[in-house]
Amino acid sequence: MENTYEDVFTHVLPALESKKSEFEVYQYATVTESDIWKYCVSKKWRKKDIATLPLYQIVNDVLSISPAEYMTFEQIDQFKTANWFSEINQEELHLLLNPKNVDA
């Protein structure tokens, strides 16, 4: 029987909780177990099949995350997903991207 992400998450939840507590010590109180899990899936195990990873390696990967490593990932992820122009309408965006068309 193959493990799913949910099964593995449940097995390593104590390690995730421990890492969350460590982050709280460093004043990163908003980081959740799910955030840490998302980081591992997206970054640490991006090209790996989690079903084939031994449990000790998964726990080691979780416990070895540094706050700086995690925060760098989050910042880059925010830059990738940010919608810089969400507050302006289409006309304003057109004027911004085509400044020659603006009457002086």
C-alpha atoms as a PDB file:
ATOM      1  CA  MET A   1       0.000   0.000   0.000  1.00  0.00           C
ATOM      2  CA  GLU A   2       1.348   3.384  -1.013  1.00  0.00           C
ATOM      3  CA  ASN A   3       1.416   6.306   1.397  1.00  0.00           C
ATOM      4  CA  THR A   4      -0.381   9.467   0.415  1.00  0.00           C
ATOM      5  CA  TYR A   5       0.639  12.999   1.314  1.00  0.00           C
ATOM      6  CA  GLU A   6      -2.105  13.033   3.956  1.00  0.00           C
ATOM      7  CA  ASP A   7      -0.860   9.796   5.529  1.00  0.00           C
ATOM      8  CA  VAL A   8       2.707  11.027   5.671  1.00  0.00           C
ATOM      9  CA  PHE A   9       1.565  14.422   7.001  1.00  0.00           C
ATOM     10  CA  THR A  10      -0.229  12.664   9.854  1.00  0.00           C
ATOM     11  CA  HIS A  11       2.840  10.558  10.663  1.00  0.00           C
ATOM     12  CA  VAL A  12       5.224  13.518  10.749  1.00  0.00           C
ATOM     13  CA  LEU A  13       2.850  15.960  12.454  1.00  0.00           C
ATOM     14  CA  PRO A  14       4.850  15.839  15.726  1.00  0.00           C
ATOM     15  CA  ALA A  15       7.977  16.937  13.824  1.00  0.00           C
ATOM     16  CA  LEU A  16       6.002  19.692  12.098  1.00  0.00           C
ATOM     17  CA  GLU A  17       4.647  20.861  15.459  1.00  0.00           C
ATOM     18  CA  SER A  18       8.171  20.892  16.877  1.00  0.00           C
ATOM     19  CA  LYS A  19       9.436  22.961  13.948  1.00  0.00           C
ATOM     20  CA  LYS A  20       6.498  25.361  14.339  1.00  0.00           C
ATOM     21  CA  SER A  21       7.421  25.819  18.013  1.00  0.00           C
ATOM     22  CA  GLU A  22      11.009  26.536  17.027  1.00  0.00           C
ATOM     23  CA  PHE A  23       9.834  29.176  14.548  1.00  0.00           C
ATOM     24  CA  GLU A  24       7.770  30.797  17.321  1.00  0.00           C
ATOM     25  CA  VAL A  25      10.957  31.167  19.378  1.00  0.00           C
ATOM     26  CA  TYR A  26      12.396  33.160  16.455  1.00  0.00           C
ATOM     27  CA  GLN A  27       9.276  35.385  16.380  1.00  0.00           C
ATOM     28  CA  TYR A  28       7.680  33.706  13.332  1.00  0.00           C
ATOM     29  CA  ALA A  29       4.386  33.020  15.096  1.00  0.00           C
ATOM     30  CA  THR A  30       2.242  32.999  11.954  1.00  0.00           C
ATOM     31  CA  VAL A  31       3.921  29.923  10.429  1.00  0.00           C
ATOM     32  CA  THR A  32       1.720  26.829  10.685  1.00  0.00           C
ATOM     33  CA  GLU A  33       2.395  23.127  10.372  1.00  0.00           C
ATOM     34  CA  SER A  34       0.662  23.227   6.985  1.00  0.00           C
ATOM     35  CA  ASP A  35       2.954  26.053   5.839  1.00  0.00           C
ATOM     36  CA  ILE A  36       6.010  24.019   6.764  1.00  0.00           C
ATOM     37  CA  TRP A  37       4.541  20.984   4.997  1.00  0.00           C
ATOM     38  CA  LYS A  38       3.851  23.080   1.882  1.00  0.00           C
ATOM     39  CA  TYR A  39       7.463  24.266   1.951  1.00  0.00           C
ATOM     40  CA  CYS A  40       8.763  20.703   2.113  1.00  0.00           C
ATOM     41  CA  VAL A  41       6.516  19.486  -0.698  1.00  0.00           C
ATOM     42  CA  SER A  42       7.276  22.499  -2.909  1.00  0.00           C
ATOM     43  CA  LYS A  43      10.972  22.900  -2.191  1.00  0.00           C
ATOM     44  CA  LYS A  44      12.605  19.933  -0.440  1.00  0.00           C
ATOM     45  CA  TRP A  45      10.716  17.165  -2.249  1.00  0.00           C
ATOM     46  CA  ARG A  46       9.865  18.978  -5.477  1.00  0.00           C
ATOM     47  CA  LYS A  47      11.404  16.295  -7.676  1.00  0.00           C
ATOM     48  CA  LYS A  48      10.908  13.334  -5.354  1.00  0.00           C
ATOM     49  CA  ASP A  49       8.122  10.835  -4.892  1.00  0.00           C
ATOM     50  CA  ILE A  50       7.127  11.179  -1.250  1.00  0.00           C
ATOM     51  CA  ALA A  51       5.739   7.641  -1.225  1.00  0.00           C
ATOM     52  CA  THR A  52       9.259   6.294  -1.715  1.00  0.00           C
ATOM     53  CA  LEU A  53      10.989   8.453   0.892  1.00  0.00           C
ATOM     54  CA  PRO A  54      11.814   6.765   4.191  1.00  0.00           C
ATOM     55  CA  LEU A  55      10.075   8.267   7.206  1.00  0.00           C
ATOM     56  CA  TYR A  56      13.378   9.121   8.902  1.00  0.00           C
ATOM     57  CA  GLN A  57      14.422  11.222   5.867  1.00  0.00           C
ATOM     58  CA  ILE A  58      11.107  13.088   5.849  1.00  0.00           C
ATOM     59  CA  VAL A  59      11.409  13.855   9.579  1.00  0.00           C
ATOM     60  CA  ASN A  60      15.051  14.890   9.123  1.00  0.00           C
ATOM     61  CA  ASP A  61      14.108  17.206   6.248  1.00  0.00           C
ATOM     62  CA  VAL A  62      11.402  18.853   8.376  1.00  0.00           C
ATOM     63  CA  LEU A  63      13.634  19.278  11.415  1.00  0.00           C
ATOM     64  CA  SER A  64      16.565  20.632   9.387  1.00  0.00           C
ATOM     65  CA  ILE A  65      14.671  23.640   7.974  1.00  0.00           C
ATOM     66  CA  SER A  66      16.150  26.914   9.148  1.00  0.00           C
ATOM     67  CA  PRO A  67      13.913  29.949   9.660  1.00  0.00           C
ATOM     68  CA  ALA A  68      15.988  31.920   7.140  1.00  0.00           C
ATOM     69  CA  GLU A  69      15.650  29.174   4.531  1.00  0.00           C
ATOM     70  CA  TYR A  70      11.875  29.048   5.019  1.00  0.00           C
ATOM     71  CA  MET A  71      11.408  32.834   4.978  1.00  0.00           C
ATOM     72  CA  THR A  72      13.454  33.174   1.791  1.00  0.00           C
ATOM     73  CA  PHE A  73      11.204  30.605   0.127  1.00  0.00           C
ATOM     74  CA  GLU A  74       8.079  32.452   1.305  1.00  0.00           C
ATOM     75  CA  GLN A  75       9.334  35.806   0.073  1.00  0.00           C
ATOM     76  CA  ILE A  76      10.176  34.424  -3.359  1.00  0.00           C
ATOM     77  CA  ASP A  77       6.811  32.657  -3.489  1.00  0.00           C
ATOM     78  CA  GLN A  78       5.037  35.925  -2.661  1.00  0.00           C
ATOM     79  CA  PHE A  79       6.895  37.730  -5.446  1.00  0.00           C
ATOM     80  CA  LYS A  80       5.910  35.004  -7.894  1.00  0.00           C
ATOM     81  CA  THR A  81       2.231  35.064  -6.971  1.00  0.00           C
ATOM     82  CA  ALA A  82       1.755  38.773  -6.244  1.00  0.00           C
ATOM     83  CA  ASN A  83      -0.635  40.663  -8.481  1.00  0.00           C
ATOM     84  CA  TRP A  84       1.107  44.010  -8.599  1.00  0.00           C
ATOM     85  CA  PHE A  85      -1.740  45.680 -10.507  1.00  0.00           C
ATOM     86  CA  SER A  86      -4.764  44.405  -8.601  1.00  0.00           C
ATOM     87  CA  GLU A  87      -5.636  47.881  -7.308  1.00  0.00           C
ATOM     88  CA  ILE A  88      -5.832  49.613 -10.699  1.00  0.00           C
ATOM     89  CA  ASN A  89      -8.349  49.296 -13.512  1.00  0.00           C
ATOM     90  CA  GLN A  90      -7.639  48.464 -17.148  1.00  0.00           C
ATOM     91  CA  GLU A  91      -7.506  52.102 -18.269  1.00  0.00           C
ATOM     92  CA  GLU A  92      -4.960  53.005 -15.597  1.00  0.00           C
ATOM     93  CA  LEU A  93      -2.910  49.942 -16.482  1.00  0.00           C
ATOM     94  CA  HIS A  94      -2.971  50.932 -20.162  1.00  0.00           C
ATOM     95  CA  LEU A  95      -1.804  54.458 -19.289  1.00  0.00           C
ATOM     96  CA  LEU A  96       0.928  53.051 -17.073  1.00  0.00           C
ATOM     97  CA  LEU A  97       2.234  50.709 -19.766  1.00  0.00           C
ATOM     98  CA  ASN A  98       1.817  53.168 -22.651  1.00  0.00           C
ATOM     99  CA  PRO A  99       2.948  56.547 -21.308  1.00  0.00           C
ATOM    100  CA  LYS A 100       3.402  58.100 -24.798  1.00  0.00           C
ATOM    101  CA  ASN A 101      -0.372  58.201 -25.235  1.00  0.00           C
ATOM    102  CA  VAL A 102      -0.838  60.526 -22.250  1.00  0.00           C
ATOM    103  CA  ASP A 103      -1.553  64.172 -23.066  1.00  0.00           C
ATOM    104  CA  ALA A 104       1.061  66.453 -21.558  1.00  0.00           C
END
